[in-house]
Amino acid sequence: MTPQDKAKAYWKENTRYVIILLIIWFVVSYGAGIIFKDALNSIRIGGFKLGFWFAQQGAIYVFVILIFVYVHLMNKLDKKYGYDE
């Protein structure tokens, strides 16, 4: 595998990770906070309706978790393709 092929494969896999993580974040922030709000409001967390909680805080928590997941995935990807330090 040439260095150019290795770089293309690396970026293809990196792009796939980013797209998957952005889809998860979209589903959580837009889906849970807006589309499924009425169904989720029947559940309460800490006295607040779950749909409201996702719209106000849940999407932010999920985004922070996804950042750590991305860091973990990228560390594995760097080692796989030999780009780690």
PDB file of N, CA and C in Angstrom:
ATOM      1  N   MET A   1       0.853  -1.182   0.000  1.00  0.00           N
ATOM      2  CA  MET A   1       0.000   0.000   0.000  1.00  0.00           C
ATOM      3  C   MET A   1       0.897   1.242   0.000  1.00  0.00           C
ATOM      4  N   THR A   2       0.699   2.098  -0.963  1.00  0.00           N
ATOM      5  CA  THR A   2       1.499   3.312  -1.064  1.00  0.00           C
ATOM      6  C   THR A   2       1.054   4.315  -0.004  1.00  0.00           C
ATOM      7  N   PRO A   3       1.915   5.265   0.325  1.00  0.00           N
ATOM      8  CA  PRO A   3       1.516   6.284   1.309  1.00  0.00           C
ATOM      9  C   PRO A   3       0.263   7.057   0.889  1.00  0.00           C
ATOM     10  N   GLN A   4       0.102   7.278  -0.407  1.00  0.00           N
ATOM     11  CA  GLN A   4      -1.079   8.006  -0.876  1.00  0.00           C
ATOM     12  C   GLN A   4      -2.345   7.160  -0.690  1.00  0.00           C
ATOM     13  N   ASP A   5      -2.255   5.859  -0.961  1.00  0.00           N
ATOM     14  CA  ASP A   5      -3.396   4.967  -0.734  1.00  0.00           C
ATOM     15  C   ASP A   5      -3.734   4.875   0.744  1.00  0.00           C
ATOM     16  N   LYS A   6      -2.694   4.842   1.559  1.00  0.00           N
ATOM     17  CA  LYS A   6      -2.881   4.787   3.009  1.00  0.00           C
ATOM     18  C   LYS A   6      -3.577   6.051   3.506  1.00  0.00           C
ATOM     19  N   ALA A   7      -3.171   7.203   2.989  1.00  0.00           N
ATOM     20  CA  ALA A   7      -3.787   8.472   3.392  1.00  0.00           C
ATOM     21  C   ALA A   7      -5.244   8.543   2.942  1.00  0.00           C
ATOM     22  N   LYS A   8      -5.539   8.054   1.730  1.00  0.00           N
ATOM     23  CA  LYS A   8      -6.923   8.056   1.250  1.00  0.00           C
ATOM     24  C   LYS A   8      -7.799   7.148   2.098  1.00  0.00           C
ATOM     25  N   ALA A   9      -7.291   5.975   2.443  1.00  0.00           N
ATOM     26  CA  ALA A   9      -8.054   5.051   3.281  1.00  0.00           C
ATOM     27  C   ALA A   9      -8.282   5.636   4.671  1.00  0.00           C
ATOM     28  N   TYR A  10      -7.260   6.297   5.198  1.00  0.00           N
ATOM     29  CA  TYR A  10      -7.374   6.947   6.508  1.00  0.00           C
ATOM     30  C   TYR A  10      -8.481   7.994   6.498  1.00  0.00           C
ATOM     31  N   TRP A  11      -8.481   8.880   5.498  1.00  0.00           N
ATOM     32  CA  TRP A  11      -9.475   9.949   5.451  1.00  0.00           C
ATOM     33  C   TRP A  11     -10.870   9.438   5.132  1.00  0.00           C
ATOM     34  N   LYS A  12     -10.942   8.353   4.367  1.00  0.00           N
ATOM     35  CA  LYS A  12     -12.247   7.760   4.092  1.00  0.00           C
ATOM     36  C   LYS A  12     -12.861   7.219   5.381  1.00  0.00           C
ATOM     37  N   GLU A  13     -12.055   6.532   6.173  1.00  0.00           N
ATOM     38  CA  GLU A  13     -12.553   6.004   7.447  1.00  0.00           C
ATOM     39  C   GLU A  13     -12.849   7.122   8.441  1.00  0.00           C
ATOM     40  N   ASN A  14     -12.012   8.154   8.456  1.00  0.00           N
ATOM     41  CA  ASN A  14     -12.236   9.306   9.325  1.00  0.00           C
ATOM     42  C   ASN A  14     -13.551   9.999   8.962  1.00  0.00           C
ATOM     43  N   THR A  15     -13.799  10.188   7.683  1.00  0.00           N
ATOM     44  CA  THR A  15     -15.034  10.825   7.233  1.00  0.00           C
ATOM     45  C   THR A  15     -16.248   9.996   7.618  1.00  0.00           C
ATOM     46  N   ARG A  16     -16.127   8.678   7.515  1.00  0.00           N
ATOM     47  CA  ARG A  16     -17.232   7.799   7.906  1.00  0.00           C
ATOM     48  C   ARG A  16     -17.542   7.952   9.394  1.00  0.00           C
ATOM     49  N   TYR A  17     -16.510   8.010  10.229  1.00  0.00           N
ATOM     50  CA  TYR A  17     -16.714   8.221  11.669  1.00  0.00           C
ATOM     51  C   TYR A  17     -17.429   9.546  11.938  1.00  0.00           C
ATOM     52  N   VAL A  18     -16.969  10.608  11.279  1.00  0.00           N
ATOM     53  CA  VAL A  18     -17.557  11.934  11.497  1.00  0.00           C
ATOM     54  C   VAL A  18     -19.032  11.944  11.092  1.00  0.00           C
ATOM     55  N   ILE A  19     -19.351  11.351   9.954  1.00  0.00           N
ATOM     56  CA  ILE A  19     -20.735  11.322   9.489  1.00  0.00           C
ATOM     57  C   ILE A  19     -21.619  10.543  10.457  1.00  0.00           C
ATOM     58  N   ILE A  20     -21.161   9.401  10.916  1.00  0.00           N
ATOM     59  CA  ILE A  20     -21.942   8.587  11.864  1.00  0.00           C
ATOM     60  C   ILE A  20     -22.175   9.349  13.162  1.00  0.00           C
ATOM     61  N   LEU A  21     -21.138   9.979  13.685  1.00  0.00           N
ATOM     62  CA  LEU A  21     -21.276  10.718  14.948  1.00  0.00           C
ATOM     63  C   LEU A  21     -22.179  11.941  14.786  1.00  0.00           C
ATOM     64  N   LEU A  22     -22.113  12.606  13.651  1.00  0.00           N
ATOM     65  CA  LEU A  22     -22.999  13.745  13.413  1.00  0.00           C
ATOM     66  C   LEU A  22     -24.457  13.304  13.266  1.00  0.00           C
ATOM     67  N   ILE A  23     -24.676  12.150  12.664  1.00  0.00           N
ATOM     68  CA  ILE A  23     -26.039  11.624  12.569  1.00  0.00           C
ATOM     69  C   ILE A  23     -26.592  11.308  13.951  1.00  0.00           C
ATOM     70  N   ILE A  24     -25.762  10.714  14.803  1.00  0.00           N
ATOM     71  CA  ILE A  24     -26.196  10.427  16.182  1.00  0.00           C
ATOM     72  C   ILE A  24     -26.554  11.719  16.896  1.00  0.00           C
ATOM     73  N   TRP A  25     -25.707  12.734  16.759  1.00  0.00           N
ATOM     74  CA  TRP A  25     -25.971  14.000  17.431  1.00  0.00           C
ATOM     75  C   TRP A  25     -27.242  14.658  16.885  1.00  0.00           C
ATOM     76  N   PHE A  26     -27.455  14.583  15.583  1.00  0.00           N
ATOM     77  CA  PHE A  26     -28.660  15.147  14.983  1.00  0.00           C
ATOM     78  C   PHE A  26     -29.909  14.446  15.509  1.00  0.00           C
ATOM     79  N   VAL A  27     -29.864  13.112  15.556  1.00  0.00           N
ATOM     80  CA  VAL A  27     -31.023  12.355  16.042  1.00  0.00           C
ATOM     81  C   VAL A  27     -31.328  12.724  17.491  1.00  0.00           C
ATOM     82  N   VAL A  28     -30.292  12.854  18.297  1.00  0.00           N
ATOM     83  CA  VAL A  28     -30.506  13.192  19.714  1.00  0.00           C
ATOM     84  C   VAL A  28     -30.995  14.629  19.862  1.00  0.00           C
ATOM     85  N   SER A  29     -30.335  15.566  19.205  1.00  0.00           N
ATOM     86  CA  SER A  29     -30.692  16.966  19.417  1.00  0.00           C
ATOM     87  C   SER A  29     -32.002  17.340  18.717  1.00  0.00           C
ATOM     88  N   TYR A  30     -32.142  16.984  17.458  1.00  0.00           N
ATOM     89  CA  TYR A  30     -33.342  17.365  16.722  1.00  0.00           C
ATOM     90  C   TYR A  30     -34.482  16.382  16.984  1.00  0.00           C
ATOM     91  N   GLY A  31     -34.155  15.089  16.954  1.00  0.00           N
ATOM     92  CA  GLY A  31     -35.191  14.078  17.153  1.00  0.00           C
ATOM     93  C   GLY A  31     -35.765  14.080  18.552  1.00  0.00           C
ATOM     94  N   ALA A  32     -34.902  13.929  19.551  1.00  0.00           N
ATOM     95  CA  ALA A  32     -35.375  13.855  20.931  1.00  0.00           C
ATOM     96  C   ALA A  32     -35.845  15.203  21.447  1.00  0.00           C
ATOM     97  N   GLY A  33     -35.232  16.283  20.998  1.00  0.00           N
ATOM     98  CA  GLY A  33     -35.597  17.605  21.499  1.00  0.00           C
ATOM     99  C   GLY A  33     -36.780  18.241  20.806  1.00  0.00           C
ATOM    100  N   ILE A  34     -37.069  17.827  19.562  1.00  0.00           N
ATOM    101  CA  ILE A  34     -38.135  18.479  18.805  1.00  0.00           C
ATOM    102  C   ILE A  34     -39.176  17.476  18.297  1.00  0.00           C
ATOM    103  N   ILE A  35     -38.734  16.505  17.510  1.00  0.00           N
ATOM    104  CA  ILE A  35     -39.692  15.599  16.863  1.00  0.00           C
ATOM    105  C   ILE A  35     -40.392  14.682  17.869  1.00  0.00           C
ATOM    106  N   PHE A  36     -39.626  14.032  18.733  1.00  0.00           N
ATOM    107  CA  PHE A  36     -40.194  13.072  19.685  1.00  0.00           C
ATOM    108  C   PHE A  36     -40.460  13.689  21.056  1.00  0.00           C
ATOM    109  N   LYS A  37     -40.485  15.006  21.113  1.00  0.00           N
ATOM    110  CA  LYS A  37     -40.653  15.727  22.380  1.00  0.00           C
ATOM    111  C   LYS A  37     -41.926  15.312  23.105  1.00  0.00           C
ATOM    112  N   ASP A  38     -43.035  15.249  22.394  1.00  0.00           N
ATOM    113  CA  ASP A  38     -44.313  14.923  23.042  1.00  0.00           C
ATOM    114  C   ASP A  38     -44.310  13.523  23.637  1.00  0.00           C
ATOM    115  N   ALA A  39     -43.743  12.555  22.928  1.00  0.00           N
ATOM    116  CA  ALA A  39     -43.681  11.183  23.448  1.00  0.00           C
ATOM    117  C   ALA A  39     -42.743  11.105  24.651  1.00  0.00           C
ATOM    118  N   LEU A  40     -41.628  11.840  24.599  1.00  0.00           N
ATOM    119  CA  LEU A  40     -40.653  11.795  25.691  1.00  0.00           C
ATOM    120  C   LEU A  40     -41.113  12.583  26.913  1.00  0.00           C
ATOM    121  N   ASN A  41     -42.022  13.512  26.741  1.00  0.00           N
ATOM    122  CA  ASN A  41     -42.476  14.320  27.870  1.00  0.00           C
ATOM    123  C   ASN A  41     -43.281  13.522  28.884  1.00  0.00           C
ATOM    124  N   SER A  42     -43.690  12.311  28.546  1.00  0.00           N
ATOM    125  CA  SER A  42     -44.402  11.475  29.513  1.00  0.00           C
ATOM    126  C   SER A  42     -43.447  10.904  30.561  1.00  0.00           C
ATOM    127  N   ILE A  43     -42.151  10.972  30.294  1.00  0.00           N
ATOM    128  CA  ILE A  43     -41.115  10.493  31.226  1.00  0.00           C
ATOM    129  C   ILE A  43     -40.497  11.712  31.894  1.00  0.00           C
ATOM    130  N   ARG A  44     -40.246  11.603  33.199  1.00  0.00           N
ATOM    131  CA  ARG A  44     -39.654  12.734  33.931  1.00  0.00           C
ATOM    132  C   ARG A  44     -38.299  12.335  34.505  1.00  0.00           C
ATOM    133  N   ILE A  45     -37.366  13.283  34.446  1.00  0.00           N
ATOM    134  CA  ILE A  45     -36.038  13.119  35.058  1.00  0.00           C
ATOM    135  C   ILE A  45     -35.814  14.324  35.955  1.00  0.00           C
ATOM    136  N   GLY A  46     -35.636  14.081  37.217  1.00  0.00           N
ATOM    137  CA  GLY A  46     -35.385  15.166  38.160  1.00  0.00           C
ATOM    138  C   GLY A  46     -36.504  16.192  38.184  1.00  0.00           C
ATOM    139  N   GLY A  47     -37.735  15.771  37.923  1.00  0.00           N
ATOM    140  CA  GLY A  47     -38.870  16.683  37.936  1.00  0.00           C
ATOM    141  C   GLY A  47     -39.133  17.378  36.617  1.00  0.00           C
ATOM    142  N   PHE A  48     -38.247  17.181  35.642  1.00  0.00           N
ATOM    143  CA  PHE A  48     -38.428  17.808  34.335  1.00  0.00           C
ATOM    144  C   PHE A  48     -38.842  16.768  33.312  1.00  0.00           C
ATOM    145  N   LYS A  49     -39.627  17.196  32.338  1.00  0.00           N
ATOM    146  CA  LYS A  49     -40.037  16.303  31.264  1.00  0.00           C
ATOM    147  C   LYS A  49     -38.813  15.948  30.415  1.00  0.00           C
ATOM    148  N   LEU A  50     -38.748  14.693  29.981  1.00  0.00           N
ATOM    149  CA  LEU A  50     -37.561  14.217  29.264  1.00  0.00           C
ATOM    150  C   LEU A  50     -37.353  14.950  27.938  1.00  0.00           C
ATOM    151  N   GLY A  51     -38.421  15.259  27.216  1.00  0.00           N
ATOM    152  CA  GLY A  51     -38.280  16.008  25.968  1.00  0.00           C
ATOM    153  C   GLY A  51     -37.677  17.385  26.201  1.00  0.00           C
ATOM    154  N   PHE A  52     -38.120  18.057  27.248  1.00  0.00           N
ATOM    155  CA  PHE A  52     -37.560  19.359  27.613  1.00  0.00           C
ATOM    156  C   PHE A  52     -36.092  19.212  28.016  1.00  0.00           C
ATOM    157  N   TRP A  53     -35.790  18.157  28.789  1.00  0.00           N
ATOM    158  CA  TRP A  53     -34.417  17.939  29.247  1.00  0.00           C
ATOM    159  C   TRP A  53     -33.481  17.746  28.060  1.00  0.00           C
ATOM    160  N   PHE A  54     -33.891  16.918  27.075  1.00  0.00           N
ATOM    161  CA  PHE A  54     -33.048  16.712  25.896  1.00  0.00           C
ATOM    162  C   PHE A  54     -32.848  18.009  25.125  1.00  0.00           C
ATOM    163  N   ALA A  55     -33.888  18.796  24.998  1.00  0.00           N
ATOM    164  CA  ALA A  55     -33.774  20.050  24.259  1.00  0.00           C
ATOM    165  C   ALA A  55     -32.839  21.023  24.969  1.00  0.00           C
ATOM    166  N   GLN A  56     -32.838  21.029  26.294  1.00  0.00           N
ATOM    167  CA  GLN A  56     -32.051  22.003  27.044  1.00  0.00           C
ATOM    168  C   GLN A  56     -30.654  21.519  27.400  1.00  0.00           C
ATOM    169  N   GLN A  57     -30.509  20.253  27.814  1.00  0.00           N
ATOM    170  CA  GLN A  57     -29.215  19.788  28.305  1.00  0.00           C
ATOM    171  C   GLN A  57     -28.748  18.482  27.678  1.00  0.00           C
ATOM    172  N   GLY A  58     -29.665  17.592  27.390  1.00  0.00           N
ATOM    173  CA  GLY A  58     -29.295  16.260  26.927  1.00  0.00           C
ATOM    174  C   GLY A  58     -28.462  16.261  25.667  1.00  0.00           C
ATOM    175  N   ALA A  59     -28.816  17.103  24.708  1.00  0.00           N
ATOM    176  CA  ALA A  59     -28.064  17.162  23.455  1.00  0.00           C
ATOM    177  C   ALA A  59     -26.633  17.639  23.697  1.00  0.00           C
ATOM    178  N   ILE A  60     -26.459  18.527  24.637  1.00  0.00           N
ATOM    179  CA  ILE A  60     -25.109  19.015  24.958  1.00  0.00           C
ATOM    180  C   ILE A  60     -24.285  17.901  25.600  1.00  0.00           C
ATOM    181  N   TYR A  61     -24.888  17.154  26.537  1.00  0.00           N
ATOM    182  CA  TYR A  61     -24.180  16.032  27.161  1.00  0.00           C
ATOM    183  C   TYR A  61     -23.792  14.990  26.122  1.00  0.00           C
ATOM    184  N   VAL A  62     -24.718  14.671  25.225  1.00  0.00           N
ATOM    185  CA  VAL A  62     -24.427  13.694  24.178  1.00  0.00           C
ATOM    186  C   VAL A  62     -23.299  14.201  23.282  1.00  0.00           C
ATOM    187  N   PHE A  63     -23.298  15.486  22.956  1.00  0.00           N
ATOM    188  CA  PHE A  63     -22.239  16.048  22.128  1.00  0.00           C
ATOM    189  C   PHE A  63     -20.874  15.908  22.805  1.00  0.00           C
ATOM    190  N   VAL A  64     -20.795  16.182  24.080  1.00  0.00           N
ATOM    191  CA  VAL A  64     -19.527  16.048  24.810  1.00  0.00           C
ATOM    192  C   VAL A  64     -19.080  14.584  24.833  1.00  0.00           C
ATOM    193  N   ILE A  65     -20.018  13.671  25.041  1.00  0.00           N
ATOM    194  CA  ILE A  65     -19.683  12.240  25.015  1.00  0.00           C
ATOM    195  C   ILE A  65     -19.178  11.842  23.631  1.00  0.00           C
ATOM    196  N   LEU A  66     -19.821  12.358  22.589  1.00  0.00           N
ATOM    197  CA  LEU A  66     -19.396  12.041  21.226  1.00  0.00           C
ATOM    198  C   LEU A  66     -17.995  12.579  20.929  1.00  0.00           C
ATOM    199  N   ILE A  67     -17.613  13.680  21.545  1.00  0.00           N
ATOM    200  CA  ILE A  67     -16.245  14.186  21.386  1.00  0.00           C
ATOM    201  C   ILE A  67     -15.247  13.173  21.932  1.00  0.00           C
ATOM    202  N   PHE A  68     -15.525  12.615  23.114  1.00  0.00           N
ATOM    203  CA  PHE A  68     -14.628  11.615  23.692  1.00  0.00           C
ATOM    204  C   PHE A  68     -14.618  10.335  22.861  1.00  0.00           C
ATOM    205  N   VAL A  69     -15.760   9.952  22.324  1.00  0.00           N
ATOM    206  CA  VAL A  69     -15.822   8.777  21.447  1.00  0.00           C
ATOM    207  C   VAL A  69     -14.977   9.023  20.199  1.00  0.00           C
ATOM    208  N   TYR A  70     -15.074  10.217  19.630  1.00  0.00           N
ATOM    209  CA  TYR A  70     -14.292  10.552  18.438  1.00  0.00           C
ATOM    210  C   TYR A  70     -12.794  10.513  18.733  1.00  0.00           C
ATOM    211  N   VAL A  71     -12.388  11.035  19.862  1.00  0.00           N
ATOM    212  CA  VAL A  71     -10.974  11.004  20.240  1.00  0.00           C
ATOM    213  C   VAL A  71     -10.494   9.559  20.342  1.00  0.00           C
ATOM    214  N   HIS A  72     -11.299   8.719  20.971  1.00  0.00           N
ATOM    215  CA  HIS A  72     -10.939   7.302  21.100  1.00  0.00           C
ATOM    216  C   HIS A  72     -10.834   6.633  19.726  1.00  0.00           C
ATOM    217  N   LEU A  73     -11.818   6.878  18.867  1.00  0.00           N
ATOM    218  CA  LEU A  73     -11.798   6.289  17.524  1.00  0.00           C
ATOM    219  C   LEU A  73     -10.602   6.779  16.714  1.00  0.00           C
ATOM    220  N   MET A  74     -10.284   8.049  16.836  1.00  0.00           N
ATOM    221  CA  MET A  74      -9.158   8.594  16.081  1.00  0.00           C
ATOM    222  C   MET A  74      -7.821   8.071  16.587  1.00  0.00           C
ATOM    223  N   ASN A  75      -7.700   7.856  17.886  1.00  0.00           N
ATOM    224  CA  ASN A  75      -6.470   7.254  18.409  1.00  0.00           C
ATOM    225  C   ASN A  75      -6.273   5.852  17.846  1.00  0.00           C
ATOM    226  N   LYS A  76      -7.371   5.078  17.788  1.00  0.00           N
ATOM    227  CA  LYS A  76      -7.289   3.739  17.207  1.00  0.00           C
ATOM    228  C   LYS A  76      -6.965   3.811  15.717  1.00  0.00           C
ATOM    229  N   LEU A  77      -7.579   4.756  15.026  1.00  0.00           N
ATOM    230  CA  LEU A  77      -7.343   4.910  13.588  1.00  0.00           C
ATOM    231  C   LEU A  77      -5.901   5.343  13.309  1.00  0.00           C
ATOM    232  N   ASP A  78      -5.375   6.250  14.112  1.00  0.00           N
ATOM    233  CA  ASP A  78      -3.986   6.680  13.954  1.00  0.00           C
ATOM    234  C   ASP A  78      -3.026   5.504  14.121  1.00  0.00           C
ATOM    235  N   LYS A  79      -3.283   4.672  15.108  1.00  0.00           N
ATOM    236  CA  LYS A  79      -2.421   3.501  15.318  1.00  0.00           C
ATOM    237  C   LYS A  79      -2.560   2.512  14.172  1.00  0.00           C
ATOM    238  N   LYS A  80      -3.771   2.343  13.673  1.00  0.00           N
ATOM    239  CA  LYS A  80      -4.006   1.401  12.582  1.00  0.00           C
ATOM    240  C   LYS A  80      -3.226   1.780  11.332  1.00  0.00           C
ATOM    241  N   TYR A  81      -3.155   3.065  11.022  1.00  0.00           N
ATOM    242  CA  TYR A  81      -2.495   3.520   9.810  1.00  0.00           C
ATOM    243  C   TYR A  81      -1.070   4.045  10.053  1.00  0.00           C
ATOM    244  N   GLY A  82      -0.598   3.961  11.277  1.00  0.00           N
ATOM    245  CA  GLY A  82       0.775   4.353  11.582  1.00  0.00           C
ATOM    246  C   GLY A  82       1.000   5.839  11.705  1.00  0.00           C
ATOM    247  N   TYR A  83      -0.035   6.595  12.023  1.00  0.00           N
ATOM    248  CA  TYR A  83       0.102   8.039  12.192  1.00  0.00           C
ATOM    249  C   TYR A  83       0.217   8.462  13.649  1.00  0.00           C
ATOM    250  N   ASP A  84       0.275   7.508  14.554  1.00  0.00           N
ATOM    251  CA  ASP A  84       0.399   7.870  15.972  1.00  0.00           C
ATOM    252  C   ASP A  84       1.824   8.313  16.253  1.00  0.00           C
ATOM    253  N   GLU A  85       1.977   9.051  17.344  1.00  0.00           N
ATOM    254  CA  GLU A  85       3.301   9.591  17.669  1.00  0.00           C
ATOM    255  C   GLU A  85       4.058   8.632  18.546  1.00  0.00           C
TER     256      GLU A  85
END
